[in-house]
Amino acid sequence: MREFEKSGPTEAMVRTTTALTIFNAGDKDNVLPGNAEATVNFRLLPGDTEASVTDHVRSTIANEKISIATFPGNTDPPPVTGTASP
């Protein structure tokens, strides 16, 4: 596993990935926005769940003024298929 972690393309095979896909905030270059909104895409590694990732994000941000919501219809990854099957 440590070898996979050394390279970007293979690192995504061993951990949940995060990508900021949409960001909306201010419209002036010299004015701080009063509100900002971001959409973040998480590709969950089997074993992680929507709830575990949401909890991790909340604890990492550690700011109750920032709200976190999941998109309706999101699902947890399916269970890993066993290799001992015919």
Protein backbone atom coordinates (compact mmCIF):
# COMPACT_ATOMS: atom_id res chain seq x y z
CA MET A 1 0.00 0.00 0.00
CA ARG A 2 2.84 2.42 0.75
CA GLU A 3 4.04 2.12 -2.83
CA PHE A 4 0.58 3.14 -4.11
CA GLU A 5 0.61 6.21 -1.81
CA LYS A 6 3.75 7.56 -3.53
CA SER A 7 2.03 8.40 -6.83
CA GLY A 8 -1.04 10.55 -7.50
CA PRO A 9 -2.79 8.18 -9.91
CA THR A 10 -2.34 5.13 -7.69
CA GLU A 11 -2.89 6.99 -4.42
CA ALA A 12 -6.57 7.36 -5.38
CA MET A 13 -6.82 3.56 -5.29
CA VAL A 14 -6.04 3.38 -1.56
CA ARG A 15 -7.90 6.34 -0.05
CA THR A 16 -11.00 8.48 -0.42
CA THR A 17 -10.31 11.38 -2.78
CA THR A 18 -11.49 14.99 -2.54
CA ALA A 19 -12.04 17.47 -5.37
CA LEU A 20 -13.39 21.01 -5.10
CA THR A 21 -15.66 21.13 -8.15
CA ILE A 22 -17.74 24.33 -7.73
CA PHE A 23 -16.94 27.47 -5.76
CA ASN A 24 -19.12 30.60 -5.54
CA ALA A 25 -18.19 33.69 -3.53
CA GLY A 26 -17.67 37.40 -4.12
CA ASP A 27 -17.72 39.25 -7.42
CA LYS A 28 -15.33 42.13 -6.64
CA ASP A 29 -11.57 41.79 -6.40
CA ASN A 30 -11.27 44.20 -3.46
CA VAL A 31 -14.33 43.24 -1.35
CA LEU A 32 -14.55 40.24 0.96
CA PRO A 33 -17.67 38.20 0.18
CA GLY A 34 -20.39 38.01 2.82
CA ASN A 35 -21.18 34.46 1.76
CA ALA A 36 -19.29 31.64 0.06
CA GLU A 37 -20.47 28.25 -1.13
CA ALA A 38 -18.51 25.26 -2.35
CA THR A 39 -19.34 21.90 -3.82
CA VAL A 40 -16.83 19.19 -3.00
CA ASN A 41 -16.81 15.78 -4.66
CA PHE A 42 -15.64 12.85 -2.54
CA ARG A 43 -14.98 9.51 -4.18
CA LEU A 44 -15.36 7.09 -1.33
CA LEU A 45 -13.07 4.14 -0.91
CA PRO A 46 -14.98 1.03 0.16
CA GLY A 47 -15.00 1.02 3.94
CA ASP A 48 -15.64 4.77 4.15
CA THR A 49 -19.22 6.01 4.36
CA GLU A 50 -20.97 9.29 3.65
CA ALA A 51 -21.37 9.73 7.41
CA SER A 52 -17.69 9.03 8.21
CA VAL A 53 -16.50 11.50 5.56
CA THR A 54 -18.99 14.15 6.72
CA ASP A 55 -17.81 13.68 10.32
CA HIS A 56 -14.18 13.99 9.19
CA VAL A 57 -14.92 17.22 7.29
CA ARG A 58 -16.80 18.69 10.28
CA SER A 59 -13.95 17.90 12.68
CA THR A 60 -11.33 19.22 10.24
CA ILE A 61 -13.17 22.50 9.66
CA ALA A 62 -14.07 22.83 13.36
CA ASN A 63 -16.28 25.86 12.76
CA GLU A 64 -20.00 25.70 13.52
CA LYS A 65 -20.64 28.77 11.32
CA ILE A 66 -19.84 26.64 8.27
CA SER A 67 -22.70 24.36 7.32
CA ILE A 68 -22.22 21.03 5.60
CA ALA A 69 -24.94 19.26 3.64
CA THR A 70 -24.94 16.18 1.46
CA PHE A 71 -26.64 15.94 -1.90
CA PRO A 72 -29.88 13.93 -1.97
CA GLY A 73 -29.39 10.61 -3.70
CA ASN A 74 -25.77 10.10 -2.63
CA THR A 75 -25.01 6.53 -1.64
CA ASP A 76 -22.29 4.71 0.23
CA PRO A 77 -19.92 2.54 -1.80
CA PRO A 78 -21.08 -1.03 -2.35
CA PRO A 79 -19.38 -3.77 -0.34
CA VAL A 80 -16.20 -5.20 -1.79
CA THR A 81 -16.82 -8.37 -3.76
CA GLY A 82 -15.03 -11.35 -2.31
CA THR A 83 -12.27 -12.98 -4.33
CA ALA A 84 -13.15 -16.49 -3.17
CA SER A 85 -16.32 -16.69 -5.27
CA PRO A 86 -16.55 -18.88 -8.38
